[in-house]
């Protein structure tokens, strides 16, 4: 199995503002009425963009080469599987830590919401890229839901994708650092190309 590393363009990580606002818990009516808040959020959007270092490690191989405990029950009879881990990197975590240390609560809430939506935008973009290459597949799935234990993140990151710990560290609990990191699985109904 060949692991590939991708350093995506930051444009892959741009969250839609409506999703950013919703994740931050701000109603659309308030967002359009409070000009100071809009100004702060726009400034934070640009600041956050400067602090991300998007990175993806992935591989696609025949499904029988993976442990059964990694494949969700909902995937049914797939022929192949793509496993990937995506992250926004350490700099965005450092910025969150700085906001927390300085008691900048609003900035921290907005940054957390922005980065969560940014990571989801990255995953959607990469998901679309994979579907253009592989065609029909399952929905994107992350360990910690359904039949796949979150602690499988340790196997995925450390053993399967062999990501250096300096880039992504996985705790025994399955939680990953940097915080804005996800593992994803997509099943395909054909052999890998």
N, C-alpha and C. Protein backbone atom coordinates (compact mmCIF):
# COMPACT_ATOMS: atom_id res chain seq x y z
N UNK A 1 0.85 -1.18 0.00
CA UNK A 1 0.00 0.00 0.00
C UNK A 1 0.89 1.24 0.00
N UNK A 2 0.61 2.13 -0.91
CA UNK A 2 1.42 3.33 -1.07
C UNK A 2 0.72 4.53 -0.42
N UNK A 3 1.38 5.14 0.55
CA UNK A 3 0.85 6.33 1.22
C UNK A 3 1.29 7.55 0.43
N UNK A 4 0.35 8.45 0.19
CA UNK A 4 0.66 9.69 -0.50
C UNK A 4 0.45 10.86 0.45
N UNK A 5 1.22 11.91 0.23
CA UNK A 5 1.14 13.13 1.04
C UNK A 5 0.77 14.28 0.12
N UNK A 6 -0.18 15.06 0.56
CA UNK A 6 -0.66 16.19 -0.24
C UNK A 6 -0.64 17.45 0.63
N UNK A 7 -0.06 18.51 0.10
CA UNK A 7 -0.09 19.82 0.77
C UNK A 7 -1.05 20.70 -0.04
N UNK A 8 -2.34 20.68 0.33
CA UNK A 8 -3.34 21.39 -0.48
C UNK A 8 -3.19 22.89 -0.43
N UNK A 9 -3.75 23.52 -1.44
CA UNK A 9 -3.84 24.98 -1.46
C UNK A 9 -4.76 25.43 -0.32
N UNK A 10 -4.49 26.58 0.22
CA UNK A 10 -5.35 27.11 1.28
C UNK A 10 -6.76 27.36 0.78
N UNK A 11 -6.90 27.56 -0.52
CA UNK A 11 -8.24 27.80 -1.08
C UNK A 11 -9.16 26.59 -0.87
N UNK A 12 -8.60 25.40 -0.66
CA UNK A 12 -9.41 24.21 -0.38
C UNK A 12 -10.07 24.32 1.00
N UNK A 13 -9.56 25.20 1.83
CA UNK A 13 -9.96 25.26 3.24
C UNK A 13 -10.86 26.44 3.58
N UNK A 14 -11.37 27.14 2.58
CA UNK A 14 -12.17 28.33 2.85
C UNK A 14 -13.60 27.95 3.23
N UNK A 15 -13.98 28.17 4.48
CA UNK A 15 -15.35 27.85 4.87
C UNK A 15 -16.33 28.91 4.38
N UNK A 16 -17.55 28.48 4.08
CA UNK A 16 -18.58 29.44 3.72
C UNK A 16 -18.93 30.24 4.96
N UNK A 17 -19.14 31.53 4.77
CA UNK A 17 -19.41 32.40 5.93
C UNK A 17 -20.66 31.98 6.68
N UNK A 18 -21.69 31.53 5.98
CA UNK A 18 -22.93 31.13 6.67
C UNK A 18 -22.67 29.93 7.59
N UNK A 19 -21.79 29.01 7.15
CA UNK A 19 -21.45 27.86 8.01
C UNK A 19 -20.60 28.30 9.19
N UNK A 20 -19.68 29.21 8.93
CA UNK A 20 -18.83 29.79 9.98
C UNK A 20 -19.70 30.44 11.05
N UNK A 21 -20.66 31.28 10.62
CA UNK A 21 -21.56 31.95 11.58
C UNK A 21 -22.38 30.95 12.36
N UNK A 22 -22.93 29.97 11.68
CA UNK A 22 -23.77 28.97 12.35
C UNK A 22 -22.96 28.19 13.37
N UNK A 23 -21.74 27.79 13.01
CA UNK A 23 -20.89 27.03 13.94
C UNK A 23 -20.55 27.87 15.17
N UNK A 24 -20.39 29.17 14.97
CA UNK A 24 -20.08 30.07 16.10
C UNK A 24 -21.32 30.34 16.96
N UNK A 25 -22.49 29.86 16.50
CA UNK A 25 -23.71 30.04 17.28
C UNK A 25 -24.36 31.39 17.12
N UNK A 26 -24.02 32.08 16.06
CA UNK A 26 -24.58 33.41 15.84
C UNK A 26 -25.71 33.34 14.82
N UNK A 27 -26.90 33.84 15.20
CA UNK A 27 -28.01 33.82 14.24
C UNK A 27 -27.74 34.74 13.07
N UNK A 28 -28.19 34.36 11.87
CA UNK A 28 -27.95 35.20 10.67
C UNK A 28 -28.45 36.63 10.82
N UNK A 29 -29.55 36.83 11.53
CA UNK A 29 -30.08 38.20 11.70
C UNK A 29 -29.09 39.07 12.47
N UNK A 30 -28.48 38.51 13.52
CA UNK A 30 -27.49 39.26 14.30
C UNK A 30 -26.26 39.53 13.45
N UNK A 31 -25.85 38.52 12.69
CA UNK A 31 -24.65 38.66 11.87
C UNK A 31 -24.79 39.79 10.85
N UNK A 32 -25.99 40.00 10.34
CA UNK A 32 -26.16 41.06 9.35
C UNK A 32 -26.38 42.42 10.00
N UNK A 33 -26.71 42.44 11.29
CA UNK A 33 -27.02 43.71 11.95
C UNK A 33 -25.85 44.29 12.74
N UNK A 34 -24.99 43.45 13.26
CA UNK A 34 -23.91 43.90 14.13
C UNK A 34 -22.63 44.12 13.33
N UNK A 35 -22.41 45.35 12.89
CA UNK A 35 -21.28 45.67 12.01
C UNK A 35 -19.93 45.48 12.69
N UNK A 36 -19.86 45.75 13.98
CA UNK A 36 -18.59 45.56 14.71
C UNK A 36 -18.23 44.08 14.77
N UNK A 37 -19.24 43.25 15.05
CA UNK A 37 -19.01 41.81 15.10
C UNK A 37 -18.61 41.27 13.72
N UNK A 38 -19.26 41.75 12.69
CA UNK A 38 -18.92 41.35 11.32
C UNK A 38 -17.47 41.73 11.01
N UNK A 39 -17.08 42.93 11.41
CA UNK A 39 -15.72 43.39 11.18
C UNK A 39 -14.71 42.51 11.91
N UNK A 40 -15.00 42.15 13.18
CA UNK A 40 -14.11 41.27 13.95
C UNK A 40 -14.01 39.90 13.29
N UNK A 41 -15.18 39.36 12.88
CA UNK A 41 -15.19 38.03 12.28
C UNK A 41 -14.43 38.02 10.96
N UNK A 42 -14.58 39.06 10.16
CA UNK A 42 -13.86 39.14 8.88
C UNK A 42 -12.35 39.22 9.11
N UNK A 43 -11.94 40.00 10.10
CA UNK A 43 -10.51 40.11 10.42
C UNK A 43 -9.97 38.76 10.89
N UNK A 44 -10.77 38.07 11.71
CA UNK A 44 -10.33 36.77 12.21
C UNK A 44 -10.26 35.75 11.07
N UNK A 45 -11.20 35.81 10.15
CA UNK A 45 -11.21 34.92 8.98
C UNK A 45 -9.87 35.02 8.24
N UNK A 46 -9.41 36.26 8.01
CA UNK A 46 -8.15 36.47 7.31
C UNK A 46 -6.94 36.06 8.15
N UNK A 47 -6.99 36.35 9.45
CA UNK A 47 -5.91 35.96 10.35
C UNK A 47 -5.77 34.45 10.41
N UNK A 48 -6.89 33.76 10.54
CA UNK A 48 -6.89 32.29 10.62
C UNK A 48 -6.30 31.69 9.35
N UNK A 49 -6.67 32.26 8.22
CA UNK A 49 -6.17 31.76 6.93
C UNK A 49 -4.64 31.82 6.87
N UNK A 50 -4.05 32.84 7.50
CA UNK A 50 -2.59 32.95 7.54
C UNK A 50 -1.95 31.86 8.40
N UNK A 51 -2.72 31.30 9.35
CA UNK A 51 -2.17 30.36 10.32
C UNK A 51 -2.42 28.89 10.01
N UNK A 52 -3.05 28.59 8.88
CA UNK A 52 -3.26 27.17 8.59
C UNK A 52 -2.16 26.63 7.69
N UNK A 53 -1.87 25.37 7.90
CA UNK A 53 -0.89 24.64 7.09
C UNK A 53 -1.52 23.29 6.71
N UNK A 54 -2.47 23.33 5.76
CA UNK A 54 -3.22 22.11 5.47
C UNK A 54 -2.33 20.98 4.93
N UNK A 55 -2.67 19.77 5.37
CA UNK A 55 -1.87 18.61 5.01
C UNK A 55 -2.79 17.39 5.01
N UNK A 56 -2.61 16.52 4.02
CA UNK A 56 -3.39 15.28 3.93
C UNK A 56 -2.44 14.13 3.63
N UNK A 57 -2.59 13.04 4.39
CA UNK A 57 -1.93 11.77 4.09
C UNK A 57 -3.05 10.81 3.72
N UNK A 58 -2.85 10.01 2.66
CA UNK A 58 -3.91 9.10 2.26
C UNK A 58 -3.38 7.89 1.50
N UNK A 59 -4.20 6.87 1.45
CA UNK A 59 -3.92 5.71 0.62
C UNK A 59 -5.23 5.06 0.22
N UNK A 60 -5.21 4.40 -0.92
CA UNK A 60 -6.34 3.63 -1.41
C UNK A 60 -5.82 2.24 -1.75
N UNK A 61 -6.52 1.22 -1.26
CA UNK A 61 -6.11 -0.16 -1.52
C UNK A 61 -7.33 -1.07 -1.46
N UNK A 62 -7.15 -2.32 -1.87
CA UNK A 62 -8.22 -3.30 -1.80
C UNK A 62 -8.69 -3.44 -0.36
N UNK A 63 -9.99 -3.56 -0.19
CA UNK A 63 -10.58 -3.59 1.16
C UNK A 63 -10.07 -4.75 2.01
N UNK A 64 -9.79 -5.89 1.40
CA UNK A 64 -9.36 -7.05 2.19
C UNK A 64 -7.98 -6.85 2.84
N UNK A 65 -7.25 -5.83 2.44
CA UNK A 65 -5.93 -5.57 3.02
C UNK A 65 -6.02 -4.81 4.35
N UNK A 66 -7.21 -4.32 4.70
CA UNK A 66 -7.41 -3.55 5.93
C UNK A 66 -8.01 -4.43 7.01
N UNK A 67 -7.74 -4.13 8.29
CA UNK A 67 -8.39 -4.88 9.36
C UNK A 67 -9.91 -4.67 9.31
N UNK A 68 -10.66 -5.71 9.60
CA UNK A 68 -12.12 -5.65 9.60
C UNK A 68 -12.61 -4.58 10.56
N UNK A 69 -11.91 -4.38 11.67
CA UNK A 69 -12.32 -3.39 12.68
C UNK A 69 -12.23 -1.95 12.18
N UNK A 70 -11.59 -1.74 11.03
CA UNK A 70 -11.46 -0.40 10.47
C UNK A 70 -12.62 -0.07 9.51
N UNK A 71 -13.27 -1.07 8.99
CA UNK A 71 -14.30 -0.86 7.97
C UNK A 71 -15.68 -0.79 8.63
N UNK A 72 -16.36 0.34 8.47
CA UNK A 72 -17.69 0.49 9.08
C UNK A 72 -18.69 -0.53 8.54
N UNK A 73 -19.58 -1.01 9.41
CA UNK A 73 -20.63 -1.94 8.99
C UNK A 73 -21.45 -1.35 7.84
N UNK A 74 -21.65 -0.04 7.87
CA UNK A 74 -22.49 0.62 6.86
C UNK A 74 -21.88 0.61 5.46
N UNK A 75 -20.61 0.25 5.33
CA UNK A 75 -19.97 0.23 4.02
C UNK A 75 -20.36 -0.99 3.19
N UNK A 76 -20.89 -2.02 3.83
CA UNK A 76 -21.32 -3.20 3.09
C UNK A 76 -20.18 -3.88 2.36
N UNK A 77 -20.44 -4.33 1.15
CA UNK A 77 -19.46 -5.07 0.36
C UNK A 77 -18.69 -4.13 -0.56
N UNK A 78 -17.66 -3.52 -0.04
CA UNK A 78 -16.83 -2.63 -0.86
C UNK A 78 -15.65 -3.41 -1.43
N UNK A 79 -15.14 -2.93 -2.54
CA UNK A 79 -13.97 -3.56 -3.17
C UNK A 79 -12.66 -2.92 -2.67
N UNK A 80 -12.70 -1.59 -2.49
CA UNK A 80 -11.49 -0.89 -2.04
C UNK A 80 -11.87 0.19 -1.04
N UNK A 81 -10.84 0.74 -0.43
CA UNK A 81 -11.04 1.71 0.64
C UNK A 81 -9.97 2.79 0.56
N UNK A 82 -10.40 4.04 0.72
CA UNK A 82 -9.45 5.15 0.89
C UNK A 82 -9.49 5.55 2.35
N UNK A 83 -8.32 5.68 2.94
CA UNK A 83 -8.16 6.15 4.31
C UNK A 83 -7.33 7.41 4.25
N UNK A 84 -7.81 8.48 4.90
CA UNK A 84 -6.99 9.70 4.93
C UNK A 84 -7.09 10.41 6.25
N UNK A 85 -6.04 11.16 6.53
CA UNK A 85 -6.02 12.05 7.68
C UNK A 85 -5.73 13.44 7.15
N UNK A 86 -6.50 14.40 7.64
CA UNK A 86 -6.32 15.79 7.21
C UNK A 86 -6.13 16.66 8.44
N UNK A 87 -5.32 17.69 8.30
CA UNK A 87 -5.07 18.59 9.42
C UNK A 87 -4.85 20.01 8.93
N UNK A 88 -5.14 20.95 9.82
CA UNK A 88 -4.85 22.36 9.52
C UNK A 88 -3.49 22.75 10.09
N UNK A 89 -2.84 21.86 10.82
CA UNK A 89 -1.50 22.12 11.31
C UNK A 89 -1.43 22.72 12.70
N UNK A 90 -0.21 22.89 13.17
CA UNK A 90 0.06 23.34 14.55
C UNK A 90 -0.12 24.84 14.76
N UNK A 91 0.09 25.65 13.73
CA UNK A 91 0.04 27.10 13.93
C UNK A 91 -1.35 27.59 14.36
N UNK A 92 -2.40 26.94 13.85
CA UNK A 92 -3.75 27.35 14.23
C UNK A 92 -4.02 26.99 15.68
N UNK A 93 -3.47 25.85 16.15
CA UNK A 93 -3.56 25.48 17.56
C UNK A 93 -2.86 26.51 18.44
N UNK A 94 -1.69 26.96 18.00
CA UNK A 94 -0.94 27.95 18.77
C UNK A 94 -1.73 29.25 18.88
N UNK A 95 -2.39 29.64 17.80
CA UNK A 95 -3.20 30.85 17.83
C UNK A 95 -4.36 30.69 18.82
N UNK A 96 -4.99 29.53 18.81
CA UNK A 96 -6.08 29.27 19.78
C UNK A 96 -5.55 29.34 21.21
N UNK A 97 -4.39 28.75 21.44
CA UNK A 97 -3.79 28.79 22.77
C UNK A 97 -3.48 30.22 23.20
N UNK A 98 -3.00 31.03 22.26
CA UNK A 98 -2.72 32.44 22.57
C UNK A 98 -4.00 33.17 22.96
N UNK A 99 -5.07 32.96 22.21
CA UNK A 99 -6.35 33.60 22.55
C UNK A 99 -6.83 33.14 23.92
N UNK A 100 -6.67 31.88 24.22
CA UNK A 100 -7.10 31.35 25.52
C UNK A 100 -6.29 31.96 26.66
N UNK A 101 -4.97 32.00 26.50
CA UNK A 101 -4.10 32.58 27.53
C UNK A 101 -4.42 34.05 27.78
N UNK A 102 -4.80 34.76 26.73
CA UNK A 102 -5.07 36.19 26.84
C UNK A 102 -6.54 36.50 27.14
N UNK A 103 -7.30 35.44 27.48
CA UNK A 103 -8.73 35.60 27.80
C UNK A 103 -9.50 36.31 26.68
N UNK A 104 -9.14 36.03 25.44
CA UNK A 104 -9.84 36.60 24.28
C UNK A 104 -10.93 35.60 23.86
N UNK A 105 -11.98 35.57 24.67
CA UNK A 105 -13.02 34.56 24.53
C UNK A 105 -13.75 34.64 23.19
N UNK A 106 -14.17 35.83 22.79
CA UNK A 106 -14.87 35.96 21.52
C UNK A 106 -13.99 35.50 20.36
N UNK A 107 -12.74 35.93 20.36
CA UNK A 107 -11.82 35.53 19.29
C UNK A 107 -11.63 34.02 19.28
N UNK A 108 -11.53 33.43 20.49
CA UNK A 108 -11.34 31.98 20.59
C UNK A 108 -12.56 31.24 20.05
N UNK A 109 -13.76 31.69 20.39
CA UNK A 109 -14.99 31.06 19.89
C UNK A 109 -15.06 31.16 18.37
N UNK A 110 -14.78 32.35 17.85
CA UNK A 110 -14.82 32.54 16.40
C UNK A 110 -13.75 31.72 15.70
N UNK A 111 -12.56 31.67 16.26
CA UNK A 111 -11.47 30.90 15.64
C UNK A 111 -11.77 29.41 15.66
N UNK A 112 -12.31 28.92 16.77
CA UNK A 112 -12.65 27.51 16.86
C UNK A 112 -13.71 27.16 15.81
N UNK A 113 -14.72 28.01 15.69
CA UNK A 113 -15.78 27.78 14.69
C UNK A 113 -15.20 27.85 13.27
N UNK A 114 -14.36 28.84 13.01
CA UNK A 114 -13.77 28.99 11.68
C UNK A 114 -12.93 27.76 11.34
N UNK A 115 -12.08 27.32 12.29
CA UNK A 115 -11.19 26.20 11.97
C UNK A 115 -11.94 24.89 11.80
N UNK A 116 -13.01 24.68 12.57
CA UNK A 116 -13.82 23.47 12.38
C UNK A 116 -14.44 23.47 10.98
N UNK A 117 -14.97 24.60 10.58
CA UNK A 117 -15.57 24.69 9.24
C UNK A 117 -14.51 24.64 8.15
N UNK A 118 -13.34 25.17 8.42
CA UNK A 118 -12.23 25.13 7.46
C UNK A 118 -11.79 23.68 7.22
N UNK A 119 -11.67 22.91 8.30
CA UNK A 119 -11.29 21.50 8.17
C UNK A 119 -12.36 20.72 7.41
N UNK A 120 -13.63 21.03 7.69
CA UNK A 120 -14.71 20.36 6.95
C UNK A 120 -14.67 20.75 5.47
N UNK A 121 -14.37 22.00 5.17
CA UNK A 121 -14.24 22.43 3.77
C UNK A 121 -13.11 21.66 3.08
N UNK A 122 -11.98 21.49 3.77
CA UNK A 122 -10.87 20.72 3.23
C UNK A 122 -11.30 19.28 2.95
N UNK A 123 -12.00 18.67 3.90
CA UNK A 123 -12.43 17.29 3.72
C UNK A 123 -13.44 17.16 2.57
N UNK A 124 -14.35 18.12 2.45
CA UNK A 124 -15.31 18.08 1.34
C UNK A 124 -14.58 18.20 0.00
N UNK A 125 -13.61 19.10 -0.07
CA UNK A 125 -12.87 19.30 -1.31
C UNK A 125 -12.11 18.03 -1.70
N UNK A 126 -11.44 17.42 -0.71
CA UNK A 126 -10.68 16.20 -1.00
C UNK A 126 -11.62 15.05 -1.33
N UNK A 127 -12.75 14.96 -0.64
CA UNK A 127 -13.77 13.96 -0.92
C UNK A 127 -14.20 14.07 -2.39
N UNK A 128 -14.48 15.29 -2.83
CA UNK A 128 -14.88 15.53 -4.22
C UNK A 128 -13.78 15.10 -5.19
N UNK A 129 -12.55 15.44 -4.85
CA UNK A 129 -11.38 15.05 -5.66
C UNK A 129 -11.30 13.53 -5.79
N UNK A 130 -11.49 12.82 -4.69
CA UNK A 130 -11.44 11.36 -4.72
C UNK A 130 -12.56 10.77 -5.56
N UNK A 131 -13.77 11.34 -5.45
CA UNK A 131 -14.91 10.81 -6.20
C UNK A 131 -14.74 11.04 -7.71
N UNK A 132 -14.07 12.11 -8.08
CA UNK A 132 -13.79 12.32 -9.51
C UNK A 132 -12.85 11.24 -10.03
N UNK A 133 -11.97 10.77 -9.17
CA UNK A 133 -11.00 9.74 -9.56
C UNK A 133 -11.59 8.33 -9.49
N UNK A 134 -12.35 8.05 -8.40
CA UNK A 134 -12.80 6.68 -8.14
C UNK A 134 -14.26 6.42 -8.49
N UNK A 135 -15.05 7.45 -8.69
CA UNK A 135 -16.45 7.24 -9.03
C UNK A 135 -17.34 7.02 -7.82
N UNK A 136 -18.27 6.08 -7.94
CA UNK A 136 -19.28 5.84 -6.91
C UNK A 136 -18.65 5.23 -5.66
N UNK A 137 -18.98 5.80 -4.51
CA UNK A 137 -18.47 5.29 -3.25
C UNK A 137 -19.44 5.53 -2.11
N UNK A 138 -19.04 5.15 -0.94
CA UNK A 138 -19.85 5.32 0.26
C UNK A 138 -19.77 6.78 0.72
N UNK A 139 -20.53 7.09 1.73
CA UNK A 139 -20.39 8.41 2.35
C UNK A 139 -19.05 8.43 3.09
N UNK A 140 -18.56 9.62 3.32
CA UNK A 140 -17.32 9.78 4.09
C UNK A 140 -17.63 9.47 5.56
N UNK A 141 -16.73 8.76 6.21
CA UNK A 141 -16.96 8.27 7.57
C UNK A 141 -15.73 8.54 8.41
N UNK A 142 -15.92 8.90 9.67
CA UNK A 142 -14.80 9.10 10.59
C UNK A 142 -14.91 8.18 11.79
N UNK A 143 -13.79 7.58 12.22
CA UNK A 143 -13.82 6.75 13.42
C UNK A 143 -14.37 7.53 14.62
N UNK A 144 -15.04 6.79 15.51
CA UNK A 144 -15.68 7.40 16.66
C UNK A 144 -17.19 7.39 16.52
N UNK A 145 -17.65 7.01 15.34
CA UNK A 145 -19.07 6.88 15.05
C UNK A 145 -19.34 5.44 14.65
N UNK A 146 -20.57 4.98 14.87
CA UNK A 146 -20.94 3.64 14.43
C UNK A 146 -20.04 2.57 14.99
N UNK A 147 -19.60 1.67 14.12
CA UNK A 147 -18.88 0.48 14.55
C UNK A 147 -17.37 0.64 14.62
N UNK A 148 -16.84 1.81 14.28
CA UNK A 148 -15.38 2.00 14.28
C UNK A 148 -14.99 2.87 15.47
N UNK A 149 -14.22 2.29 16.38
CA UNK A 149 -13.79 2.96 17.60
C UNK A 149 -12.85 4.12 17.28
N UNK A 150 -12.99 5.21 18.03
CA UNK A 150 -12.14 6.38 17.82
C UNK A 150 -10.66 6.06 18.04
N UNK A 151 -10.38 5.03 18.85
CA UNK A 151 -8.98 4.66 19.10
C UNK A 151 -8.30 4.07 17.87
N UNK A 152 -9.09 3.79 16.82
CA UNK A 152 -8.49 3.34 15.54
C UNK A 152 -7.67 4.46 14.91
N UNK A 153 -7.89 5.70 15.36
CA UNK A 153 -7.07 6.81 14.86
C UNK A 153 -5.58 6.54 15.07
N UNK A 154 -5.25 5.90 16.18
CA UNK A 154 -3.84 5.60 16.47
C UNK A 154 -3.28 4.67 15.40
N UNK A 155 -4.02 3.62 15.05
CA UNK A 155 -3.60 2.69 14.01
C UNK A 155 -3.51 3.40 12.66
N UNK A 156 -4.52 4.19 12.33
CA UNK A 156 -4.57 4.87 11.03
C UNK A 156 -3.38 5.80 10.85
N UNK A 157 -3.16 6.66 11.83
CA UNK A 157 -2.13 7.70 11.70
C UNK A 157 -0.72 7.15 11.86
N UNK A 158 -0.54 6.34 12.90
CA UNK A 158 0.81 5.90 13.22
C UNK A 158 1.27 4.70 12.38
N UNK A 159 0.41 3.69 12.24
CA UNK A 159 0.84 2.47 11.57
C UNK A 159 0.49 2.44 10.08
N UNK A 160 -0.75 2.78 9.76
CA UNK A 160 -1.19 2.66 8.37
C UNK A 160 -0.60 3.77 7.49
N UNK A 161 -0.80 5.03 7.90
CA UNK A 161 -0.32 6.16 7.10
C UNK A 161 1.09 6.60 7.47
N UNK A 162 1.59 6.14 8.62
CA UNK A 162 2.95 6.42 9.09
C UNK A 162 3.28 7.91 9.07
N UNK A 163 2.37 8.70 9.63
CA UNK A 163 2.56 10.15 9.71
C UNK A 163 3.56 10.45 10.82
N UNK A 164 4.55 11.27 10.56
CA UNK A 164 5.50 11.63 11.62
C UNK A 164 4.76 12.29 12.80
N UNK A 165 5.16 11.91 14.01
CA UNK A 165 4.53 12.47 15.21
C UNK A 165 4.69 13.98 15.29
N UNK A 166 5.72 14.51 14.65
CA UNK A 166 5.92 15.97 14.64
C UNK A 166 4.80 16.68 13.87
N UNK A 167 4.12 15.95 12.98
CA UNK A 167 3.01 16.53 12.22
C UNK A 167 1.66 16.25 12.86
N UNK A 168 1.44 15.00 13.28
CA UNK A 168 0.18 14.62 13.94
C UNK A 168 0.49 13.61 15.03
N UNK A 169 0.03 13.92 16.23
CA UNK A 169 0.20 13.01 17.36
C UNK A 169 -1.17 12.49 17.75
N UNK A 170 -1.25 11.19 18.04
CA UNK A 170 -2.51 10.59 18.47
C UNK A 170 -2.34 10.08 19.90
N UNK A 171 -3.23 10.53 20.77
CA UNK A 171 -3.22 10.08 22.15
C UNK A 171 -3.86 8.69 22.23
N UNK A 172 -3.62 7.97 23.33
CA UNK A 172 -4.19 6.63 23.51
C UNK A 172 -5.71 6.65 23.40
N UNK A 173 -6.32 7.78 23.74
CA UNK A 173 -7.78 7.93 23.68
C UNK A 173 -8.30 8.02 22.24
N UNK A 174 -7.39 8.25 21.29
CA UNK A 174 -7.79 8.44 19.90
C UNK A 174 -7.87 9.90 19.50
N UNK A 175 -7.78 10.80 20.48
CA UNK A 175 -7.79 12.24 20.21
C UNK A 175 -6.48 12.60 19.51
N UNK A 176 -6.57 13.50 18.53
CA UNK A 176 -5.40 13.86 17.74
C UNK A 176 -4.98 15.30 17.96
N UNK A 177 -3.69 15.54 17.84
CA UNK A 177 -3.11 16.87 17.93
C UNK A 177 -2.27 17.10 16.68
N UNK A 178 -2.43 18.21 16.01
CA UNK A 178 -3.24 19.37 16.30
C UNK A 178 -4.73 19.03 16.42
N UNK A 179 -5.44 19.91 17.14
CA UNK A 179 -6.85 19.67 17.41
C UNK A 179 -7.68 19.61 16.14
N UNK A 180 -7.37 20.42 15.18
CA UNK A 180 -8.15 20.45 13.93
C UNK A 180 -7.57 19.43 12.96
N UNK A 181 -7.80 18.16 13.29
CA UNK A 181 -7.32 17.02 12.53
C UNK A 181 -8.43 15.98 12.50
N UNK A 182 -8.65 15.35 11.36
CA UNK A 182 -9.64 14.28 11.26
C UNK A 182 -9.10 13.11 10.45
N UNK A 183 -9.60 11.93 10.77
CA UNK A 183 -9.36 10.77 9.92
C UNK A 183 -10.67 10.45 9.22
N UNK A 184 -10.58 10.01 7.98
CA UNK A 184 -11.78 9.73 7.19
C UNK A 184 -11.59 8.46 6.37
N UNK A 185 -12.70 7.80 6.09
CA UNK A 185 -12.72 6.58 5.29
C UNK A 185 -13.79 6.73 4.22
N UNK A 186 -13.50 6.26 3.02
CA UNK A 186 -14.50 6.19 1.95
C UNK A 186 -14.32 4.83 1.28
N UNK A 187 -15.41 4.09 1.17
CA UNK A 187 -15.38 2.80 0.51
C UNK A 187 -15.76 2.94 -0.96
N UNK A 188 -15.15 2.10 -1.80
CA UNK A 188 -15.41 2.14 -3.25
C UNK A 188 -15.90 0.77 -3.70
N UNK A 189 -16.75 0.77 -4.69
CA UNK A 189 -17.36 -0.46 -5.17
C UNK A 189 -16.64 -1.02 -6.40
N UNK A 190 -15.34 -0.84 -6.44
CA UNK A 190 -14.51 -1.36 -7.52
C UNK A 190 -13.09 -1.48 -6.99
N UNK A 191 -12.24 -2.14 -7.74
CA UNK A 191 -10.82 -2.24 -7.38
C UNK A 191 -10.15 -0.89 -7.55
N UNK A 192 -9.11 -0.57 -6.75
CA UNK A 192 -8.41 0.71 -6.94
C UNK A 192 -7.70 0.75 -8.29
N UNK A 193 -7.63 1.95 -8.85
CA UNK A 193 -6.97 2.13 -10.15
C UNK A 193 -5.46 2.16 -9.98
